[in-house]
Amino acid sequence: AKPSRPRLLAAVEPGCMGDRSAGMALRAGHFLVYGVKAPIAQMDFSS
């Protein structure tokens, strides 16, 4: 058969929830890592 196109077969209900305060910081525009804030807009994501 022809290889299938990329897709997901199911949606997962997460088993572990993260840190809500870090998540709220992301919504406000910055990463919060062990008390240090880093603006998302200024983050260089290159390896």
All heavy atoms as atom14 arrays in JSON, in Angstrom:
{
  "sequence": "AKPSRPRLLAAVEPGCMGDRSAGMALRAGHFLVYGVKAPIAQMDFSS",
  "atom14_mask": [
    [1, 1, 1, 1, 1, 0, 0, 0, 0, 0, 0, 0, 0, 0],
    [1, 1, 1, 1, 1, 1, 1, 1, 1, 0, 0, 0, 0, 0],
    [1, 1, 1, 1, 1, 1, 1, 0, 0, 0, 0, 0, 0, 0],
    [1, 1, 1, 1, 1, 1, 0, 0, 0, 0, 0, 0, 0, 0],
    [1, 1, 1, 1, 1, 1, 1, 1, 1, 1, 1, 0, 0, 0],
    [1, 1, 1, 1, 1, 1, 1, 0, 0, 0, 0, 0, 0, 0],
    [1, 1, 1, 1, 1, 1, 1, 1, 1, 1, 1, 0, 0, 0],
    [1, 1, 1, 1, 1, 1, 1, 1, 0, 0, 0, 0, 0, 0],
    [1, 1, 1, 1, 1, 1, 1, 1, 0, 0, 0, 0, 0, 0],
    [1, 1, 1, 1, 1, 0, 0, 0, 0, 0, 0, 0, 0, 0],
    [1, 1, 1, 1, 1, 0, 0, 0, 0, 0, 0, 0, 0, 0],
    [1, 1, 1, 1, 1, 1, 1, 0, 0, 0, 0, 0, 0, 0],
    [1, 1, 1, 1, 1, 1, 1, 1, 1, 0, 0, 0, 0, 0],
    [1, 1, 1, 1, 1, 1, 1, 0, 0, 0, 0, 0, 0, 0],
    [1, 1, 1, 1, 0, 0, 0, 0, 0, 0, 0, 0, 0, 0],
    [1, 1, 1, 1, 1, 1, 0, 0, 0, 0, 0, 0, 0, 0],
    [1, 1, 1, 1, 1, 1, 1, 1, 0, 0, 0, 0, 0, 0],
    [1, 1, 1, 1, 0, 0, 0, 0, 0, 0, 0, 0, 0, 0],
    [1, 1, 1, 1, 1, 1, 1, 1, 0, 0, 0, 0, 0, 0],
    [1, 1, 1, 1, 1, 1, 1, 1, 1, 1, 1, 0, 0, 0],
    [1, 1, 1, 1, 1, 1, 0, 0, 0, 0, 0, 0, 0, 0],
    [1, 1, 1, 1, 1, 0, 0, 0, 0, 0, 0, 0, 0, 0],
    [1, 1, 1, 1, 0, 0, 0, 0, 0, 0, 0, 0, 0, 0],
    [1, 1, 1, 1, 1, 1, 1, 1, 0, 0, 0, 0, 0, 0],
    [1, 1, 1, 1, 1, 0, 0, 0, 0, 0, 0, 0, 0, 0],
    [1, 1, 1, 1, 1, 1, 1, 1, 0, 0, 0, 0, 0, 0],
    [1, 1, 1, 1, 1, 1, 1, 1, 1, 1, 1, 0, 0, 0],
    [1, 1, 1, 1, 1, 0, 0, 0, 0, 0, 0, 0, 0, 0],
    [1, 1, 1, 1, 0, 0, 0, 0, 0, 0, 0, 0, 0, 0],
    [1, 1, 1, 1, 1, 1, 1, 1, 1, 1, 0, 0, 0, 0],
    [1, 1, 1, 1, 1, 1, 1, 1, 1, 1, 1, 0, 0, 0],
    [1, 1, 1, 1, 1, 1, 1, 1, 0, 0, 0, 0, 0, 0],
    [1, 1, 1, 1, 1, 1, 1, 0, 0, 0, 0, 0, 0, 0],
    [1, 1, 1, 1, 1, 1, 1, 1, 1, 1, 1, 1, 0, 0],
    [1, 1, 1, 1, 0, 0, 0, 0, 0, 0, 0, 0, 0, 0],
    [1, 1, 1, 1, 1, 1, 1, 0, 0, 0, 0, 0, 0, 0],
    [1, 1, 1, 1, 1, 1, 1, 1, 1, 0, 0, 0, 0, 0],
    [1, 1, 1, 1, 1, 0, 0, 0, 0, 0, 0, 0, 0, 0],
    [1, 1, 1, 1, 1, 1, 1, 0, 0, 0, 0, 0, 0, 0],
    [1, 1, 1, 1, 1, 1, 1, 1, 0, 0, 0, 0, 0, 0],
    [1, 1, 1, 1, 1, 0, 0, 0, 0, 0, 0, 0, 0, 0],
    [1, 1, 1, 1, 1, 1, 1, 1, 1, 0, 0, 0, 0, 0],
    [1, 1, 1, 1, 1, 1, 1, 1, 0, 0, 0, 0, 0, 0],
    [1, 1, 1, 1, 1, 1, 1, 1, 0, 0, 0, 0, 0, 0],
    [1, 1, 1, 1, 1, 1, 1, 1, 1, 1, 1, 0, 0, 0],
    [1, 1, 1, 1, 1, 1, 0, 0, 0, 0, 0, 0, 0, 0],
    [1, 1, 1, 1, 1, 1, 0, 0, 0, 0, 0, 0, 0, 0]
  ],
  "atom14_positions": [
    [[0.83, -1.2, 0.0], [0.0, 0.0, 0.0], [0.87, 1.25, 0.0], [2.04, 1.22, 0.36], [-0.92, 0.01, 1.22], [0.0, 0.0, 0.0], [0.0, 0.0, 0.0], [0.0, 0.0, 0.0], [0.0, 0.0, 0.0], [0.0, 0.0, 0.0], [0.0, 0.0, 0.0], [0.0, 0.0, 0.0], [0.0, 0.0, 0.0], [0.0, 0.0, 0.0]],
    [[0.27, 2.33, -0.43], [0.96, 3.62, -0.42], [1.09, 4.11, 1.02], [0.15, 3.99, 1.81], [0.15, 4.62, -1.25], [0.8, 5.99, -1.38], [-0.07, 6.9, -2.22], [0.57, 8.29, -2.33], [-0.29, 9.21, -3.14], [0.0, 0.0, 0.0], [0.0, 0.0, 0.0], [0.0, 0.0, 0.0], [0.0, 0.0, 0.0], [0.0, 0.0, 0.0]],
    [[2.28, 4.67, 1.4], [2.44, 5.16, 2.77], [1.38, 6.19, 3.12], [1.0, 7.04, 2.3], [3.85, 5.78, 2.75], [4.56, 5.09, 1.64], [3.51, 4.81, 0.59], [0.0, 0.0, 0.0], [0.0, 0.0, 0.0], [0.0, 0.0, 0.0], [0.0, 0.0, 0.0], [0.0, 0.0, 0.0], [0.0, 0.0, 0.0], [0.0, 0.0, 0.0]],
    [[0.91, 6.14, 4.34], [-0.13, 7.06, 4.8], [0.44, 8.46, 4.99], [1.63, 8.63, 5.3], [-0.73, 6.58, 6.11], [-1.3, 5.3, 5.98], [0.0, 0.0, 0.0], [0.0, 0.0, 0.0], [0.0, 0.0, 0.0], [0.0, 0.0, 0.0], [0.0, 0.0, 0.0], [0.0, 0.0, 0.0], [0.0, 0.0, 0.0], [0.0, 0.0, 0.0]],
    [[-0.41, 9.45, 4.81], [0.02, 10.83, 5.07], [0.12, 11.05, 6.58], [-0.56, 10.37, 7.36], [-0.98, 11.81, 4.47], [-2.38, 11.71, 5.02], [-3.32, 12.7, 4.37], [-4.68, 12.57, 4.86], [-5.12, 13.12, 5.99], [-4.3, 13.83, 6.73], [-6.37, 12.95, 6.39], [0.0, 0.0, 0.0], [0.0, 0.0, 0.0], [0.0, 0.0, 0.0]],
    [[0.96, 11.98, 7.02], [1.1, 12.23, 8.46], [-0.22, 12.69, 9.09], [-0.88, 13.59, 8.58], [2.15, 13.35, 8.52], [2.9, 13.25, 7.24], [1.9, 12.8, 6.22], [0.0, 0.0, 0.0], [0.0, 0.0, 0.0], [0.0, 0.0, 0.0], [0.0, 0.0, 0.0], [0.0, 0.0, 0.0], [0.0, 0.0, 0.0], [0.0, 0.0, 0.0]],
    [[-0.59, 12.06, 10.16], [-1.76, 12.45, 10.94], [-1.68, 11.77, 12.29], [-0.86, 10.87, 12.51], [-3.05, 12.05, 10.23], [-3.21, 10.56, 9.98], [-4.38, 10.25, 9.07], [-4.49, 8.82, 8.77], [-5.2, 7.96, 9.48], [-5.93, 8.4, 10.52], [-5.25, 6.68, 9.15], [0.0, 0.0, 0.0], [0.0, 0.0, 0.0], [0.0, 0.0, 0.0]],
    [[-2.51, 12.23, 13.21], [-2.58, 11.62, 14.54], [-3.83, 10.77, 14.63], [-4.9, 11.18, 14.19], [-2.57, 12.69, 15.63], [-1.3, 13.53, 15.73], [-1.42, 14.55, 16.86], [-0.08, 12.64, 15.98], [0.0, 0.0, 0.0], [0.0, 0.0, 0.0], [0.0, 0.0, 0.0], [0.0, 0.0, 0.0], [0.0, 0.0, 0.0], [0.0, 0.0, 0.0]],
    [[-3.71, 9.61, 15.23], [-4.81, 8.66, 15.3], [-5.73, 8.9, 16.49], [-6.82, 8.33, 16.53], [-4.26, 7.23, 15.37], [-3.35, 6.81, 14.21], [-2.86, 5.4, 14.4], [-4.1, 6.95, 12.88], [0.0, 0.0, 0.0], [0.0, 0.0, 0.0], [0.0, 0.0, 0.0], [0.0, 0.0, 0.0], [0.0, 0.0, 0.0], [0.0, 0.0, 0.0]],
    [[-5.31, 9.69, 17.46], [-6.13, 9.93, 18.64], [-5.64, 11.17, 19.36], [-4.48, 11.58, 19.2], [-6.09, 8.73, 19.58], [0.0, 0.0, 0.0], [0.0, 0.0, 0.0], [0.0, 0.0, 0.0], [0.0, 0.0, 0.0], [0.0, 0.0, 0.0], [0.0, 0.0, 0.0], [0.0, 0.0, 0.0], [0.0, 0.0, 0.0], [0.0, 0.0, 0.0]],
    [[-6.52, 11.78, 20.13], [-6.15, 12.9, 21.01], [-5.92, 12.35, 22.41], [-6.69, 11.52, 22.9], [-7.26, 13.95, 21.02], [0.0, 0.0, 0.0], [0.0, 0.0, 0.0], [0.0, 0.0, 0.0], [0.0, 0.0, 0.0], [0.0, 0.0, 0.0], [0.0, 0.0, 0.0], [0.0, 0.0, 0.0], [0.0, 0.0, 0.0], [0.0, 0.0, 0.0]],
    [[-4.86, 12.8, 23.06], [-4.44, 12.28, 24.36], [-4.93, 13.19, 25.48], [-4.82, 14.42, 25.38], [-2.91, 12.14, 24.43], [-2.47, 11.61, 25.79], [-2.4, 11.25, 23.31], [0.0, 0.0, 0.0], [0.0, 0.0, 0.0], [0.0, 0.0, 0.0], [0.0, 0.0, 0.0], [0.0, 0.0, 0.0], [0.0, 0.0, 0.0], [0.0, 0.0, 0.0]],
    [[-5.44, 12.59, 26.53], [-5.76, 13.33, 27.75], [-4.51, 13.3, 28.61], [-4.1, 12.25, 29.11], [-6.92, 12.66, 28.5], [-7.39, 13.41, 29.73], [-8.05, 14.74, 29.41], [-8.64, 14.87, 28.31], [-7.96, 15.66, 30.24], [0.0, 0.0, 0.0], [0.0, 0.0, 0.0], [0.0, 0.0, 0.0], [0.0, 0.0, 0.0], [0.0, 0.0, 0.0]],
    [[-3.82, 14.46, 28.82], [-2.52, 14.45, 29.52], [-2.58, 13.77, 30.88], [-3.54, 13.96, 31.64], [-2.17, 15.93, 29.66], [-2.93, 16.6, 28.55], [-4.21, 15.81, 28.41], [0.0, 0.0, 0.0], [0.0, 0.0, 0.0], [0.0, 0.0, 0.0], [0.0, 0.0, 0.0], [0.0, 0.0, 0.0], [0.0, 0.0, 0.0], [0.0, 0.0, 0.0]],
    [[-1.55, 12.98, 31.17], [-1.49, 12.31, 32.47], [-0.98, 13.2, 33.56], [-1.46, 13.15, 34.7], [0.0, 0.0, 0.0], [0.0, 0.0, 0.0], [0.0, 0.0, 0.0], [0.0, 0.0, 0.0], [0.0, 0.0, 0.0], [0.0, 0.0, 0.0], [0.0, 0.0, 0.0], [0.0, 0.0, 0.0], [0.0, 0.0, 0.0], [0.0, 0.0, 0.0]],
    [[0.02, 14.04, 33.26], [0.63, 14.92, 34.25], [0.39, 16.37, 33.85], [0.62, 16.75, 32.7], [2.14, 14.68, 34.34], [2.59, 13.08, 35.03], [0.0, 0.0, 0.0], [0.0, 0.0, 0.0], [0.0, 0.0, 0.0], [0.0, 0.0, 0.0], [0.0, 0.0, 0.0], [0.0, 0.0, 0.0], [0.0, 0.0, 0.0], [0.0, 0.0, 0.0]],
    [[-0.05, 17.16, 34.8], [-0.22, 18.59, 34.56], [1.02, 19.34, 35.04], [1.7, 18.91, 35.98], [-1.46, 19.1, 35.28], [-2.75, 18.47, 34.79], [-2.99, 18.61, 32.99], [-3.24, 20.38, 32.83], [0.0, 0.0, 0.0], [0.0, 0.0, 0.0], [0.0, 0.0, 0.0], [0.0, 0.0, 0.0], [0.0, 0.0, 0.0], [0.0, 0.0, 0.0]],
    [[1.28, 20.47, 34.41], [2.48, 21.24, 34.73], [2.25, 22.27, 35.8], [1.28, 22.22, 36.58], [0.0, 0.0, 0.0], [0.0, 0.0, 0.0], [0.0, 0.0, 0.0], [0.0, 0.0, 0.0], [0.0, 0.0, 0.0], [0.0, 0.0, 0.0], [0.0, 0.0, 0.0], [0.0, 0.0, 0.0], [0.0, 0.0, 0.0], [0.0, 0.0, 0.0]],
    [[3.15, 23.24, 35.84], [3.13, 24.32, 36.83], [2.27, 25.46, 36.3], [2.62, 26.11, 35.31], [4.57, 24.78, 37.07], [4.67, 25.83, 38.17], [3.64, 26.4, 38.56], [5.8, 26.06, 38.64], [0.0, 0.0, 0.0], [0.0, 0.0, 0.0], [0.0, 0.0, 0.0], [0.0, 0.0, 0.0], [0.0, 0.0, 0.0], [0.0, 0.0, 0.0]],
    [[1.16, 25.72, 36.97], [0.23, 26.75, 36.49], [0.87, 28.14, 36.48], [0.62, 28.94, 35.58], [-1.03, 26.76, 37.34], [-2.12, 27.68, 36.79], [-3.41, 27.57, 37.59], [-4.47, 28.36, 36.96], [-4.64, 29.67, 37.16], [-3.84, 30.32, 38.0], [-5.62, 30.32, 36.55], [0.0, 0.0, 0.0], [0.0, 0.0, 0.0], [0.0, 0.0, 0.0]],
    [[1.71, 28.44, 37.48], [2.33, 29.77, 37.52], [3.24, 29.98, 36.32], [3.28, 31.07, 35.74], [3.11, 29.94, 38.83], [4.14, 28.98, 38.94], [0.0, 0.0, 0.0], [0.0, 0.0, 0.0], [0.0, 0.0, 0.0], [0.0, 0.0, 0.0], [0.0, 0.0, 0.0], [0.0, 0.0, 0.0], [0.0, 0.0, 0.0], [0.0, 0.0, 0.0]],
    [[3.97, 28.93, 35.92], [4.82, 29.04, 34.72], [3.96, 29.19, 33.48], [4.32, 29.91, 32.53], [5.73, 27.83, 34.6], [0.0, 0.0, 0.0], [0.0, 0.0, 0.0], [0.0, 0.0, 0.0], [0.0, 0.0, 0.0], [0.0, 0.0, 0.0], [0.0, 0.0, 0.0], [0.0, 0.0, 0.0], [0.0, 0.0, 0.0], [0.0, 0.0, 0.0]],
    [[2.81, 28.51, 33.46], [1.9, 28.64, 32.33], [1.29, 30.02, 32.22], [1.17, 30.58, 31.11], [0.0, 0.0, 0.0], [0.0, 0.0, 0.0], [0.0, 0.0, 0.0], [0.0, 0.0, 0.0], [0.0, 0.0, 0.0], [0.0, 0.0, 0.0], [0.0, 0.0, 0.0], [0.0, 0.0, 0.0], [0.0, 0.0, 0.0], [0.0, 0.0, 0.0]],
    [[0.93, 30.61, 33.35], [0.39, 31.97, 33.34], [1.45, 32.96, 32.88], [1.14, 33.94, 32.19], [-0.13, 32.34, 34.73], [-1.32, 31.52, 35.19], [-2.76, 31.63, 34.09], [-3.21, 33.35, 34.31], [0.0, 0.0, 0.0], [0.0, 0.0, 0.0], [0.0, 0.0, 0.0], [0.0, 0.0, 0.0], [0.0, 0.0, 0.0], [0.0, 0.0, 0.0]],
    [[2.7, 32.7, 33.24], [3.79, 33.56, 32.77], [3.92, 33.49, 31.25], [4.14, 34.51, 30.58], [5.11, 33.16, 33.44], [0.0, 0.0, 0.0], [0.0, 0.0, 0.0], [0.0, 0.0, 0.0], [0.0, 0.0, 0.0], [0.0, 0.0, 0.0], [0.0, 0.0, 0.0], [0.0, 0.0, 0.0], [0.0, 0.0, 0.0], [0.0, 0.0, 0.0]],
    [[3.76, 32.3, 30.68], [3.79, 32.16, 29.22], [2.66, 32.97, 28.58], [2.87, 33.64, 27.55], [3.67, 30.69, 28.84], [4.92, 29.82, 29.07], [4.56, 28.34, 28.99], [6.0, 30.15, 28.04], [0.0, 0.0, 0.0], [0.0, 0.0, 0.0], [0.0, 0.0, 0.0], [0.0, 0.0, 0.0], [0.0, 0.0, 0.0], [0.0, 0.0, 0.0]],
    [[1.49, 32.9, 29.16], [0.37, 33.68, 28.61], [0.64, 35.18, 28.69], [0.16, 35.95, 27.86], [-0.92, 33.34, 29.36], [-1.4, 31.91, 29.14], [-2.68, 31.63, 29.88], [-3.79, 32.46, 29.39], [-5.03, 32.41, 29.85], [-5.33, 31.55, 30.83], [-5.97, 33.19, 29.37], [0.0, 0.0, 0.0], [0.0, 0.0, 0.0], [0.0, 0.0, 0.0]],
    [[1.44, 35.57, 29.69], [1.8, 36.98, 29.85], [2.99, 37.39, 28.99], [3.35, 38.57, 28.95], [2.11, 37.28, 31.32], [0.0, 0.0, 0.0], [0.0, 0.0, 0.0], [0.0, 0.0, 0.0], [0.0, 0.0, 0.0], [0.0, 0.0, 0.0], [0.0, 0.0, 0.0], [0.0, 0.0, 0.0], [0.0, 0.0, 0.0], [0.0, 0.0, 0.0]],
    [[3.62, 36.4, 28.29], [4.65, 36.75, 27.32], [6.07, 36.4, 27.7], [7.01, 36.86, 27.05], [0.0, 0.0, 0.0], [0.0, 0.0, 0.0], [0.0, 0.0, 0.0], [0.0, 0.0, 0.0], [0.0, 0.0, 0.0], [0.0, 0.0, 0.0], [0.0, 0.0, 0.0], [0.0, 0.0, 0.0], [0.0, 0.0, 0.0], [0.0, 0.0, 0.0]],
    [[6.27, 35.56, 28.72], [7.65, 35.2, 29.04], [7.73, 33.81, 29.67], [6.77, 33.32, 30.27], [8.28, 36.24, 29.99], [7.48, 36.5, 31.24], [6.68, 37.6, 31.38], [7.34, 35.8, 32.38], [6.09, 37.58, 32.56], [6.47, 36.49, 33.19], [0.0, 0.0, 0.0], [0.0, 0.0, 0.0], [0.0, 0.0, 0.0], [0.0, 0.0, 0.0]],
    [[8.88, 33.18, 29.48], [9.17, 31.92, 30.15], [9.53, 32.21, 31.61], [10.19, 33.21, 31.9], [10.35, 31.19, 29.48], [10.05, 30.68, 28.11], [10.46, 31.38, 26.99], [9.36, 29.48, 27.93], [10.2, 30.91, 25.71], [9.08, 29.01, 26.66], [9.5, 29.72, 25.54], [0.0, 0.0, 0.0], [0.0, 0.0, 0.0], [0.0, 0.0, 0.0]],
    [[9.13, 31.33, 32.5], [9.48, 31.44, 33.91], [10.14, 30.13, 34.32], [9.5, 29.09, 34.4], [8.24, 31.7, 34.77], [8.46, 31.8, 36.28], [9.35, 32.99, 36.61], [7.12, 31.92, 37.02], [0.0, 0.0, 0.0], [0.0, 0.0, 0.0], [0.0, 0.0, 0.0], [0.0, 0.0, 0.0], [0.0, 0.0, 0.0], [0.0, 0.0, 0.0]],
    [[11.45, 30.18, 34.54], [12.23, 28.99, 34.84], [12.98, 29.2, 36.15], [13.9, 30.02, 36.23], [13.24, 28.65, 33.71], [14.03, 27.4, 34.06], [12.51, 28.48, 32.39], [0.0, 0.0, 0.0], [0.0, 0.0, 0.0], [0.0, 0.0, 0.0], [0.0, 0.0, 0.0], [0.0, 0.0, 0.0], [0.0, 0.0, 0.0], [0.0, 0.0, 0.0]],
    [[12.55, 28.5, 37.19], [13.16, 28.61, 38.52], [13.34, 30.07, 38.95], [14.4, 30.48, 39.41], [14.49, 27.87, 38.57], [14.36, 26.39, 38.36], [15.27, 25.69, 37.58], [13.31, 25.67, 38.94], [15.14, 24.31, 37.38], [13.18, 24.3, 38.75], [14.09, 23.63, 37.97], [13.97, 22.28, 37.78], [0.0, 0.0, 0.0], [0.0, 0.0, 0.0]],
    [[12.29, 30.84, 38.75], [12.27, 32.22, 39.21], [12.83, 33.24, 38.25], [12.76, 34.44, 38.51], [0.0, 0.0, 0.0], [0.0, 0.0, 0.0], [0.0, 0.0, 0.0], [0.0, 0.0, 0.0], [0.0, 0.0, 0.0], [0.0, 0.0, 0.0], [0.0, 0.0, 0.0], [0.0, 0.0, 0.0], [0.0, 0.0, 0.0], [0.0, 0.0, 0.0]],
    [[13.39, 32.81, 37.12], [13.98, 33.72, 36.14], [13.01, 33.89, 34.96], [12.56, 32.9, 34.39], [15.34, 33.21, 35.63], [15.89, 34.12, 34.54], [16.33, 33.13, 36.78], [0.0, 0.0, 0.0], [0.0, 0.0, 0.0], [0.0, 0.0, 0.0], [0.0, 0.0, 0.0], [0.0, 0.0, 0.0], [0.0, 0.0, 0.0], [0.0, 0.0, 0.0]],
    [[12.71, 35.14, 34.61], [11.82, 35.43, 33.49], [12.63, 35.73, 32.23], [13.64, 36.43, 32.29], [10.93, 36.63, 33.81], [9.92, 36.37, 34.92], [9.05, 37.58, 35.16], [8.01, 37.33, 36.26], [7.16, 38.52, 36.49], [0.0, 0.0, 0.0], [0.0, 0.0, 0.0], [0.0, 0.0, 0.0], [0.0, 0.0, 0.0], [0.0, 0.0, 0.0]],
    [[12.18, 35.17, 31.1], [12.82, 35.42, 29.81], [11.73, 35.7, 28.79], [10.89, 34.83, 28.53], [13.66, 34.22, 29.38], [0.0, 0.0, 0.0], [0.0, 0.0, 0.0], [0.0, 0.0, 0.0], [0.0, 0.0, 0.0], [0.0, 0.0, 0.0], [0.0, 0.0, 0.0], [0.0, 0.0, 0.0], [0.0, 0.0, 0.0], [0.0, 0.0, 0.0]],
    [[11.67, 36.91, 28.21], [10.61, 37.24, 27.25], [10.62, 36.3, 26.04], [11.68, 36.03, 25.46], [10.95, 38.68, 26.84], [11.78, 39.22, 27.97], [12.56, 38.05, 28.48], [0.0, 0.0, 0.0], [0.0, 0.0, 0.0], [0.0, 0.0, 0.0], [0.0, 0.0, 0.0], [0.0, 0.0, 0.0], [0.0, 0.0, 0.0], [0.0, 0.0, 0.0]],
    [[9.45, 35.84, 25.67], [9.34, 34.95, 24.5], [9.81, 35.66, 23.24], [10.51, 35.07, 22.4], [7.88, 34.48, 24.34], [7.44, 33.65, 25.55], [7.71, 33.67, 23.05], [5.97, 33.31, 25.56], [0.0, 0.0, 0.0], [0.0, 0.0, 0.0], [0.0, 0.0, 0.0], [0.0, 0.0, 0.0], [0.0, 0.0, 0.0], [0.0, 0.0, 0.0]],
    [[9.46, 36.93, 23.11], [9.79, 37.67, 21.9], [11.3, 37.83, 21.71], [11.77, 38.01, 20.59], [9.12, 39.04, 21.94], [0.0, 0.0, 0.0], [0.0, 0.0, 0.0], [0.0, 0.0, 0.0], [0.0, 0.0, 0.0], [0.0, 0.0, 0.0], [0.0, 0.0, 0.0], [0.0, 0.0, 0.0], [0.0, 0.0, 0.0], [0.0, 0.0, 0.0]],
    [[12.07, 37.76, 22.8], [13.51, 37.95, 22.71], [14.28, 36.63, 22.74], [15.51, 36.63, 22.69], [13.98, 38.84, 23.86], [13.38, 40.24, 23.85], [13.81, 41.07, 25.04], [14.81, 40.78, 25.69], [13.06, 42.11, 25.34], [0.0, 0.0, 0.0], [0.0, 0.0, 0.0], [0.0, 0.0, 0.0], [0.0, 0.0, 0.0], [0.0, 0.0, 0.0]],
    [[13.58, 35.53, 22.81], [14.24, 34.24, 22.91], [14.74, 33.77, 21.54], [14.0, 33.81, 20.56], [13.27, 33.2, 23.49], [13.85, 31.79, 23.62], [15.25, 31.69, 24.77], [14.44, 32.15, 26.31], [0.0, 0.0, 0.0], [0.0, 0.0, 0.0], [0.0, 0.0, 0.0], [0.0, 0.0, 0.0], [0.0, 0.0, 0.0], [0.0, 0.0, 0.0]],
    [[16.0, 33.36, 21.49], [16.58, 32.77, 20.29], [16.45, 31.25, 20.42], [17.08, 30.63, 21.28], [18.05, 33.17, 20.15], [18.64, 32.75, 18.81], [18.1, 31.81, 18.18], [19.66, 33.34, 18.4], [0.0, 0.0, 0.0], [0.0, 0.0, 0.0], [0.0, 0.0, 0.0], [0.0, 0.0, 0.0], [0.0, 0.0, 0.0], [0.0, 0.0, 0.0]],
    [[15.63, 30.63, 19.57], [15.33, 29.21, 19.69], [16.31, 28.32, 18.94], [16.14, 27.1, 18.94], [13.91, 28.94, 19.19], [12.84, 29.55, 20.04], [12.3, 30.8, 19.71], [12.37, 28.91, 21.16], [11.3, 31.36, 20.48], [11.37, 29.47, 21.94], [10.83, 30.7, 21.61], [0.0, 0.0, 0.0], [0.0, 0.0, 0.0], [0.0, 0.0, 0.0]],
    [[17.31, 28.88, 18.3], [18.23, 28.05, 17.52], [19.08, 27.19, 18.45], [19.41, 27.58, 19.58], [19.13, 28.92, 16.63], [19.95, 29.75, 17.42], [0.0, 0.0, 0.0], [0.0, 0.0, 0.0], [0.0, 0.0, 0.0], [0.0, 0.0, 0.0], [0.0, 0.0, 0.0], [0.0, 0.0, 0.0], [0.0, 0.0, 0.0], [0.0, 0.0, 0.0]],
    [[19.47, 26.03, 17.96], [20.21, 25.07, 18.78], [21.64, 25.52, 19.06], [22.29, 25.01, 19.97], [20.24, 23.7, 18.09], [20.82, 22.73, 18.91], [0.0, 0.0, 0.0], [0.0, 0.0, 0.0], [0.0, 0.0, 0.0], [0.0, 0.0, 0.0], [0.0, 0.0, 0.0], [0.0, 0.0, 0.0], [0.0, 0.0, 0.0], [0.0, 0.0, 0.0]]
  ]
}
